[in-house]
Amino acid sequence: MRLIYTGIAILLVSVAVFAAEGDHDSLRGNVPLLEERTPEPLYEVENNDLRRIRAYPMQPPTIPHKIDNYQVDLNANRCMTCHSRRRVAESQAPMVSVTHYMDRDGNFLAELSPRRYFCSQCHVPQTTAPTQVGNTFQDIDEIIREQRQRGQ
């Protein structure tokens, strides 16, 4: 019991010290931890239909257009009106990967797999928001190209 009281006391003292010193979380800007910050503005969603380079290996592709009011529920999946195998020829949209037609045992299905049905679980639209954290990811092709150039 004494250990619990000691732990609580240490926690309370450390919170009080942080509040008094005004330490800040780097993503909060210059706002003390115990104060609420002004929320970021809502940034515009990019709507240019250009494919983006991936930020890390195996990243799901981002959505290069607005998806406001797209119906994706148990009754319909608006994404598939352009990205299904039947519609890509006329829409010129990239076809959904064949992995989206596989069940968990690796069997191919005639329709989209239920575990890949809700597209925005993995795929997200991009906004004009500034980046909060730097990214130094390089695709393996870039690394090989640089190594070849250095060797020649």
N, C-alpha and C. Protein backbone atom coordinates (compact mmCIF):
# COMPACT_ATOMS: atom_id res chain seq x y z
N MET A 1 0.82 -1.19 0.00
CA MET A 1 0.00 0.00 0.00
C MET A 1 0.87 1.25 0.00
N ARG A 2 1.94 1.19 0.78
CA ARG A 2 2.84 2.33 0.85
C ARG A 2 3.47 2.60 -0.53
N LEU A 3 3.74 1.52 -1.30
CA LEU A 3 4.32 1.64 -2.62
C LEU A 3 3.36 2.38 -3.56
N ILE A 4 2.09 2.10 -3.47
CA ILE A 4 1.09 2.77 -4.31
C ILE A 4 1.04 4.26 -3.99
N TYR A 5 1.02 4.60 -2.71
CA TYR A 5 0.99 6.01 -2.31
C TYR A 5 2.24 6.74 -2.77
N THR A 6 3.37 6.07 -2.69
CA THR A 6 4.63 6.67 -3.13
C THR A 6 4.60 6.93 -4.64
N GLY A 7 4.09 5.98 -5.40
CA GLY A 7 3.99 6.13 -6.85
C GLY A 7 3.08 7.28 -7.24
N ILE A 8 1.95 7.40 -6.57
CA ILE A 8 1.02 8.48 -6.85
C ILE A 8 1.64 9.82 -6.50
N ALA A 9 2.35 9.89 -5.39
CA ALA A 9 3.00 11.14 -4.98
C ALA A 9 4.06 11.55 -6.00
N ILE A 10 4.85 10.61 -6.48
CA ILE A 10 5.87 10.92 -7.49
C ILE A 10 5.21 11.43 -8.76
N LEU A 11 4.14 10.80 -9.18
CA LEU A 11 3.43 11.22 -10.37
C LEU A 11 2.90 12.64 -10.24
N LEU A 12 2.27 12.94 -9.10
CA LEU A 12 1.72 14.28 -8.89
C LEU A 12 2.82 15.35 -8.84
N VAL A 13 3.92 15.03 -8.19
CA VAL A 13 5.03 15.99 -8.12
C VAL A 13 5.61 16.23 -9.51
N SER A 14 5.77 15.17 -10.31
CA SER A 14 6.35 15.35 -11.64
C SER A 14 5.42 16.17 -12.54
N VAL A 15 4.11 15.97 -12.44
CA VAL A 15 3.17 16.78 -13.23
C VAL A 15 3.25 18.24 -12.78
N ALA A 16 3.33 18.48 -11.50
CA ALA A 16 3.43 19.85 -11.00
C ALA A 16 4.73 20.51 -11.45
N VAL A 17 5.82 19.77 -11.46
CA VAL A 17 7.11 20.33 -11.91
C VAL A 17 7.04 20.68 -13.39
N PHE A 18 6.48 19.79 -14.22
CA PHE A 18 6.37 20.09 -15.65
C PHE A 18 5.50 21.31 -15.88
N ALA A 19 4.41 21.42 -15.13
CA ALA A 19 3.52 22.57 -15.30
C ALA A 19 4.22 23.86 -14.88
N ALA A 20 5.00 23.80 -13.83
CA ALA A 20 5.68 25.00 -13.33
C ALA A 20 6.79 25.43 -14.27
N GLU A 21 7.54 24.47 -14.82
CA GLU A 21 8.66 24.80 -15.70
C GLU A 21 8.20 25.17 -17.10
N GLY A 22 6.97 24.79 -17.47
CA GLY A 22 6.47 25.12 -18.79
C GLY A 22 7.07 24.27 -19.90
N ASP A 23 7.43 23.01 -19.60
CA ASP A 23 7.96 22.13 -20.63
C ASP A 23 6.90 21.93 -21.71
N HIS A 24 7.37 21.71 -22.93
CA HIS A 24 6.45 21.63 -24.06
C HIS A 24 6.68 20.35 -24.84
N ASP A 25 5.62 19.86 -25.41
CA ASP A 25 5.69 18.75 -26.34
C ASP A 25 6.04 19.35 -27.70
N SER A 26 6.96 18.76 -28.43
CA SER A 26 7.45 19.37 -29.67
C SER A 26 6.36 19.57 -30.71
N LEU A 27 5.35 18.69 -30.77
CA LEU A 27 4.28 18.85 -31.75
C LEU A 27 3.20 19.83 -31.28
N ARG A 28 3.29 20.26 -30.04
CA ARG A 28 2.31 21.22 -29.52
C ARG A 28 2.75 22.65 -29.76
N GLY A 29 3.94 22.84 -30.25
CA GLY A 29 4.43 24.20 -30.44
C GLY A 29 4.87 24.78 -29.11
N ASN A 30 4.55 26.02 -28.86
CA ASN A 30 4.98 26.71 -27.65
C ASN A 30 3.83 26.79 -26.64
N VAL A 31 3.13 25.68 -26.44
CA VAL A 31 1.99 25.64 -25.52
C VAL A 31 2.34 24.72 -24.36
N PRO A 32 2.22 25.19 -23.12
CA PRO A 32 2.51 24.32 -21.97
C PRO A 32 1.63 23.08 -21.97
N LEU A 33 2.14 22.01 -21.36
CA LEU A 33 1.45 20.72 -21.39
C LEU A 33 0.06 20.75 -20.78
N LEU A 34 -0.13 21.54 -19.77
CA LEU A 34 -1.42 21.53 -19.08
C LEU A 34 -2.39 22.57 -19.64
N GLU A 35 -2.06 23.19 -20.75
CA GLU A 35 -2.97 24.13 -21.40
C GLU A 35 -3.43 23.54 -22.72
N GLU A 36 -4.64 23.89 -23.10
CA GLU A 36 -5.17 23.39 -24.36
C GLU A 36 -4.73 24.31 -25.49
N ARG A 37 -4.27 23.74 -26.58
CA ARG A 37 -3.80 24.56 -27.69
C ARG A 37 -4.90 24.80 -28.71
N THR A 38 -4.72 25.81 -29.51
CA THR A 38 -5.66 26.10 -30.58
C THR A 38 -5.51 25.02 -31.65
N PRO A 39 -6.60 24.45 -32.10
CA PRO A 39 -6.48 23.37 -33.09
C PRO A 39 -5.97 23.88 -34.43
N GLU A 40 -5.34 22.99 -35.18
CA GLU A 40 -4.86 23.31 -36.52
C GLU A 40 -6.05 23.61 -37.42
N PRO A 41 -5.85 24.43 -38.43
CA PRO A 41 -6.95 24.67 -39.38
C PRO A 41 -7.22 23.42 -40.20
N LEU A 42 -8.39 23.33 -40.79
CA LEU A 42 -8.71 22.23 -41.69
C LEU A 42 -8.10 22.56 -43.04
N TYR A 43 -7.18 21.74 -43.49
CA TYR A 43 -6.49 22.00 -44.75
C TYR A 43 -7.27 21.43 -45.92
N GLU A 44 -7.04 22.00 -47.10
CA GLU A 44 -7.70 21.54 -48.31
C GLU A 44 -7.21 20.15 -48.70
N VAL A 45 -8.11 19.32 -49.19
CA VAL A 45 -7.73 18.01 -49.70
C VAL A 45 -7.23 18.20 -51.12
N GLU A 46 -6.08 17.61 -51.43
CA GLU A 46 -5.55 17.69 -52.79
C GLU A 46 -6.49 16.95 -53.73
N ASN A 47 -6.70 17.53 -54.89
CA ASN A 47 -7.62 16.94 -55.85
C ASN A 47 -7.01 17.02 -57.24
N ASN A 48 -5.76 16.54 -57.39
CA ASN A 48 -5.07 16.69 -58.66
C ASN A 48 -4.91 15.38 -59.43
N ASP A 49 -5.38 14.28 -58.89
CA ASP A 49 -5.32 12.96 -59.54
C ASP A 49 -3.91 12.56 -59.97
N LEU A 50 -2.90 13.00 -59.25
CA LEU A 50 -1.52 12.59 -59.52
C LEU A 50 -1.08 11.60 -58.45
N ARG A 51 -0.49 10.50 -58.87
CA ARG A 51 -0.01 9.51 -57.90
C ARG A 51 1.18 10.07 -57.15
N ARG A 52 1.20 9.86 -55.85
CA ARG A 52 2.31 10.31 -55.01
C ARG A 52 3.31 9.19 -54.83
N ILE A 53 4.55 9.57 -54.57
CA ILE A 53 5.59 8.60 -54.24
C ILE A 53 5.31 8.12 -52.82
N ARG A 54 5.55 6.86 -52.57
CA ARG A 54 5.31 6.31 -51.24
C ARG A 54 6.36 6.80 -50.26
N ALA A 55 5.96 6.96 -49.01
CA ALA A 55 6.85 7.49 -47.98
C ALA A 55 7.63 6.41 -47.25
N TYR A 56 7.25 5.15 -47.41
CA TYR A 56 7.95 4.04 -46.77
C TYR A 56 7.56 2.75 -47.50
N PRO A 57 8.37 1.68 -47.37
CA PRO A 57 8.06 0.43 -48.07
C PRO A 57 6.70 -0.13 -47.66
N MET A 58 6.01 -0.66 -48.62
CA MET A 58 4.71 -1.32 -48.42
C MET A 58 3.61 -0.36 -47.97
N GLN A 59 3.81 0.93 -48.14
CA GLN A 59 2.77 1.91 -47.79
C GLN A 59 1.61 1.75 -48.76
N PRO A 60 0.38 1.73 -48.26
CA PRO A 60 -0.76 1.73 -49.18
C PRO A 60 -0.76 3.04 -49.96
N PRO A 61 -1.06 3.00 -51.26
CA PRO A 61 -1.09 4.25 -52.02
C PRO A 61 -2.09 5.24 -51.42
N THR A 62 -1.74 6.52 -51.50
CA THR A 62 -2.66 7.54 -51.01
C THR A 62 -3.69 7.84 -52.08
N ILE A 63 -4.78 8.45 -51.68
CA ILE A 63 -5.88 8.77 -52.59
C ILE A 63 -5.63 10.17 -53.16
N PRO A 64 -5.46 10.31 -54.48
CA PRO A 64 -5.10 11.61 -55.05
C PRO A 64 -6.30 12.49 -55.42
N HIS A 65 -7.44 12.23 -54.81
CA HIS A 65 -8.62 13.05 -55.12
C HIS A 65 -9.52 13.11 -53.89
N LYS A 66 -10.50 13.99 -53.93
CA LYS A 66 -11.44 14.13 -52.81
C LYS A 66 -12.35 12.90 -52.74
N ILE A 67 -12.69 12.52 -51.51
CA ILE A 67 -13.62 11.40 -51.32
C ILE A 67 -14.78 11.84 -50.43
N ASP A 68 -15.02 13.14 -50.37
CA ASP A 68 -16.14 13.64 -49.57
C ASP A 68 -17.44 13.02 -50.09
N ASN A 69 -18.27 12.58 -49.18
CA ASN A 69 -19.58 12.00 -49.48
C ASN A 69 -19.51 10.70 -50.28
N TYR A 70 -18.37 10.02 -50.29
CA TYR A 70 -18.30 8.70 -50.91
C TYR A 70 -18.98 7.71 -49.97
N GLN A 71 -19.88 6.92 -50.50
CA GLN A 71 -20.55 5.91 -49.70
C GLN A 71 -19.70 4.64 -49.70
N VAL A 72 -19.18 4.31 -48.52
CA VAL A 72 -18.46 3.05 -48.34
C VAL A 72 -19.01 2.44 -47.06
N ASP A 73 -19.98 1.57 -47.23
CA ASP A 73 -20.61 0.89 -46.10
C ASP A 73 -21.01 -0.51 -46.55
N LEU A 74 -21.78 -1.20 -45.76
CA LEU A 74 -22.16 -2.59 -46.09
C LEU A 74 -22.99 -2.67 -47.36
N ASN A 75 -23.65 -1.59 -47.76
CA ASN A 75 -24.52 -1.61 -48.94
C ASN A 75 -23.81 -1.24 -50.24
N ALA A 76 -22.77 -0.41 -50.15
CA ALA A 76 -22.12 0.06 -51.37
C ALA A 76 -20.69 0.48 -51.09
N ASN A 77 -19.87 0.43 -52.14
CA ASN A 77 -18.50 0.91 -52.05
C ASN A 77 -18.25 1.78 -53.28
N ARG A 78 -18.35 3.08 -53.11
CA ARG A 78 -18.23 4.03 -54.22
C ARG A 78 -16.86 3.95 -54.89
N CYS A 79 -15.82 3.59 -54.17
CA CYS A 79 -14.48 3.50 -54.75
C CYS A 79 -14.46 2.51 -55.91
N MET A 80 -15.24 1.46 -55.78
CA MET A 80 -15.20 0.39 -56.78
C MET A 80 -15.90 0.77 -58.07
N THR A 81 -16.60 1.90 -58.12
CA THR A 81 -17.20 2.34 -59.39
C THR A 81 -16.13 2.72 -60.40
N CYS A 82 -14.93 3.06 -59.94
CA CYS A 82 -13.82 3.37 -60.85
C CYS A 82 -12.68 2.36 -60.76
N HIS A 83 -12.44 1.79 -59.59
CA HIS A 83 -11.24 0.98 -59.36
C HIS A 83 -11.47 -0.52 -59.48
N SER A 84 -12.69 -0.97 -59.77
CA SER A 84 -12.92 -2.41 -59.91
C SER A 84 -12.34 -2.91 -61.23
N ARG A 85 -12.13 -4.21 -61.32
CA ARG A 85 -11.55 -4.79 -62.53
C ARG A 85 -12.39 -4.47 -63.77
N ARG A 86 -13.69 -4.42 -63.61
CA ARG A 86 -14.59 -4.19 -64.75
C ARG A 86 -14.57 -2.75 -65.24
N ARG A 87 -14.22 -1.79 -64.37
CA ARG A 87 -14.39 -0.38 -64.70
C ARG A 87 -13.10 0.38 -65.03
N VAL A 88 -11.93 -0.22 -64.81
CA VAL A 88 -10.68 0.54 -64.99
C VAL A 88 -10.42 0.94 -66.44
N ALA A 89 -10.90 0.18 -67.40
CA ALA A 89 -10.67 0.52 -68.81
C ALA A 89 -11.34 1.84 -69.16
N GLU A 90 -12.55 2.05 -68.71
CA GLU A 90 -13.24 3.29 -69.04
C GLU A 90 -12.89 4.44 -68.09
N SER A 91 -12.59 4.15 -66.83
CA SER A 91 -12.30 5.22 -65.87
C SER A 91 -10.83 5.64 -65.88
N GLN A 92 -9.94 4.78 -66.37
CA GLN A 92 -8.50 5.01 -66.38
C GLN A 92 -7.91 5.12 -64.98
N ALA A 93 -8.63 4.64 -63.98
CA ALA A 93 -8.15 4.62 -62.59
C ALA A 93 -7.33 3.36 -62.39
N PRO A 94 -6.37 3.38 -61.46
CA PRO A 94 -5.61 2.15 -61.20
C PRO A 94 -6.52 1.06 -60.64
N MET A 95 -6.29 -0.16 -61.09
CA MET A 95 -7.10 -1.28 -60.61
C MET A 95 -6.69 -1.65 -59.19
N VAL A 96 -7.65 -2.07 -58.41
CA VAL A 96 -7.39 -2.55 -57.07
C VAL A 96 -6.47 -3.76 -57.18
N SER A 97 -5.50 -3.85 -56.28
CA SER A 97 -4.53 -4.94 -56.29
C SER A 97 -5.24 -6.29 -56.18
N VAL A 98 -4.64 -7.30 -56.80
CA VAL A 98 -5.22 -8.65 -56.72
C VAL A 98 -5.26 -9.15 -55.28
N THR A 99 -4.40 -8.62 -54.42
CA THR A 99 -4.42 -9.03 -53.01
C THR A 99 -5.73 -8.67 -52.34
N HIS A 100 -6.45 -7.69 -52.88
CA HIS A 100 -7.74 -7.30 -52.31
C HIS A 100 -8.85 -8.28 -52.65
N TYR A 101 -8.54 -9.23 -53.54
CA TYR A 101 -9.51 -10.26 -53.92
C TYR A 101 -9.15 -11.62 -53.31
N MET A 102 -8.26 -11.62 -52.33
CA MET A 102 -7.85 -12.87 -51.69
C MET A 102 -8.40 -12.95 -50.28
N ASP A 103 -8.76 -14.17 -49.86
CA ASP A 103 -9.18 -14.34 -48.48
C ASP A 103 -7.95 -14.59 -47.62
N ARG A 104 -8.13 -14.80 -46.34
CA ARG A 104 -6.99 -14.96 -45.44
C ARG A 104 -6.19 -16.24 -45.69
N ASP A 105 -6.78 -17.21 -46.41
CA ASP A 105 -6.08 -18.45 -46.73
C ASP A 105 -5.36 -18.39 -48.08
N GLY A 106 -5.44 -17.23 -48.76
CA GLY A 106 -4.78 -17.08 -50.06
C GLY A 106 -5.60 -17.51 -51.24
N ASN A 107 -6.88 -17.83 -51.03
CA ASN A 107 -7.76 -18.22 -52.12
C ASN A 107 -8.32 -16.97 -52.80
N PHE A 108 -8.39 -16.99 -54.13
CA PHE A 108 -8.92 -15.85 -54.86
C PHE A 108 -10.45 -15.88 -54.87
N LEU A 109 -11.04 -14.71 -54.69
CA LEU A 109 -12.49 -14.57 -54.65
C LEU A 109 -12.98 -13.86 -55.90
N ALA A 110 -14.25 -14.01 -56.23
CA ALA A 110 -14.83 -13.32 -57.38
C ALA A 110 -15.07 -11.85 -57.07
N GLU A 111 -15.33 -11.53 -55.83
CA GLU A 111 -15.58 -10.16 -55.40
C GLU A 111 -14.51 -9.70 -54.43
N LEU A 112 -14.54 -8.44 -54.10
CA LEU A 112 -13.59 -7.86 -53.15
C LEU A 112 -13.68 -8.58 -51.80
N SER A 113 -12.54 -8.84 -51.21
CA SER A 113 -12.50 -9.53 -49.92
C SER A 113 -13.14 -8.66 -48.84
N PRO A 114 -13.93 -9.25 -47.96
CA PRO A 114 -14.56 -8.46 -46.89
C PRO A 114 -13.53 -7.75 -46.00
N ARG A 115 -12.34 -8.31 -45.85
CA ARG A 115 -11.35 -7.66 -44.99
C ARG A 115 -10.62 -6.53 -45.71
N ARG A 116 -10.86 -6.34 -47.01
CA ARG A 116 -10.27 -5.24 -47.76
C ARG A 116 -11.34 -4.30 -48.32
N TYR A 117 -12.55 -4.42 -47.84
CA TYR A 117 -13.70 -3.70 -48.41
C TYR A 117 -13.71 -2.22 -48.05
N PHE A 118 -13.32 -1.87 -46.83
CA PHE A 118 -13.39 -0.48 -46.38
C PHE A 118 -12.08 0.22 -46.70
N CYS A 119 -12.01 0.83 -47.85
CA CYS A 119 -10.77 1.36 -48.43
C CYS A 119 -10.05 2.35 -47.52
N SER A 120 -10.80 3.23 -46.86
CA SER A 120 -10.16 4.30 -46.07
C SER A 120 -9.57 3.80 -44.76
N GLN A 121 -9.62 2.49 -44.51
CA GLN A 121 -8.89 1.94 -43.37
C GLN A 121 -7.40 2.06 -43.62
N CYS A 122 -6.99 1.92 -44.87
CA CYS A 122 -5.57 1.96 -45.22
C CYS A 122 -5.21 3.13 -46.14
N HIS A 123 -6.09 3.46 -47.05
CA HIS A 123 -5.83 4.51 -48.04
C HIS A 123 -6.44 5.82 -47.56
N VAL A 124 -5.65 6.89 -47.62
CA VAL A 124 -6.12 8.19 -47.14
C VAL A 124 -5.88 9.27 -48.18
N PRO A 125 -6.77 10.27 -48.25
CA PRO A 125 -6.51 11.40 -49.15
C PRO A 125 -5.42 12.30 -48.55
N GLN A 126 -4.75 13.05 -49.40
CA GLN A 126 -3.69 13.95 -48.96
C GLN A 126 -4.22 15.37 -48.87
N THR A 127 -3.69 16.12 -47.93
CA THR A 127 -4.07 17.52 -47.77
C THR A 127 -2.87 18.41 -48.01
N THR A 128 -3.11 19.70 -48.00
CA THR A 128 -2.04 20.68 -48.18
C THR A 128 -1.37 21.04 -46.87
N ALA A 129 -1.58 20.25 -45.82
CA ALA A 129 -1.00 20.53 -44.50
C ALA A 129 0.52 20.44 -44.56
N PRO A 130 1.22 21.30 -43.82
CA PRO A 130 2.68 21.19 -43.78
C PRO A 130 3.09 19.94 -43.01
N THR A 131 4.24 19.39 -43.35
CA THR A 131 4.71 18.18 -42.66
C THR A 131 5.17 18.53 -41.26
N GLN A 132 4.85 17.69 -40.30
CA GLN A 132 5.23 17.91 -38.91
C GLN A 132 6.56 17.25 -38.57
N VAL A 133 6.87 16.18 -39.28
CA VAL A 133 8.07 15.40 -39.02
C VAL A 133 8.76 15.13 -40.35
N GLY A 134 10.07 15.30 -40.39
CA GLY A 134 10.81 15.04 -41.62
C GLY A 134 10.84 13.57 -41.97
N ASN A 135 11.05 13.27 -43.25
CA ASN A 135 11.09 11.89 -43.71
C ASN A 135 12.31 11.73 -44.62
N THR A 136 13.18 10.80 -44.29
CA THR A 136 14.38 10.58 -45.09
C THR A 136 14.32 9.25 -45.84
N PHE A 137 13.12 8.69 -46.00
CA PHE A 137 12.97 7.42 -46.70
C PHE A 137 13.46 7.54 -48.13
N GLN A 138 14.21 6.53 -48.59
CA GLN A 138 14.62 6.43 -49.97
C GLN A 138 14.20 5.06 -50.49
N ASP A 139 13.61 5.06 -51.66
CA ASP A 139 13.22 3.81 -52.28
C ASP A 139 14.48 3.01 -52.63
N ILE A 140 14.39 1.70 -52.64
CA ILE A 140 15.56 0.85 -52.90
C ILE A 140 16.15 1.14 -54.26
N ASP A 141 15.33 1.49 -55.25
CA ASP A 141 15.84 1.83 -56.57
C ASP A 141 16.74 3.06 -56.52
N GLU A 142 16.36 4.06 -55.71
CA GLU A 142 17.19 5.26 -55.56
C GLU A 142 18.53 4.93 -54.92
N ILE A 143 18.51 4.08 -53.91
CA ILE A 143 19.74 3.70 -53.21
C ILE A 143 20.69 2.97 -54.16
N ILE A 144 20.16 2.03 -54.93
CA ILE A 144 20.99 1.27 -55.89
C ILE A 144 21.56 2.21 -56.95
N ARG A 145 20.72 3.12 -57.45
CA ARG A 145 21.18 4.07 -58.46
C ARG A 145 22.33 4.94 -57.92
N GLU A 146 22.20 5.43 -56.69
CA GLU A 146 23.25 6.25 -56.08
C GLU A 146 24.54 5.45 -55.89
N GLN A 147 24.42 4.20 -55.47
CA GLN A 147 25.61 3.37 -55.27
C GLN A 147 26.33 3.09 -56.59
N ARG A 148 25.54 2.88 -57.65
CA ARG A 148 26.15 2.66 -58.96
C ARG A 148 26.89 3.91 -59.45
N GLN A 149 26.28 5.08 -59.22
CA GLN A 149 26.91 6.33 -59.65
C GLN A 149 28.21 6.57 -58.88
N ARG A 150 28.24 6.25 -57.60
CA ARG A 150 29.46 6.43 -56.81
C ARG A 150 30.55 5.47 -57.25
N GLY A 151 30.17 4.27 -57.66
CA GLY A 151 31.13 3.24 -58.05
C GLY A 151 31.75 3.50 -59.42
N GLN A 152 31.08 4.25 -60.27
CA GLN A 152 31.59 4.49 -61.64
C GLN A 152 32.53 5.65 -61.72
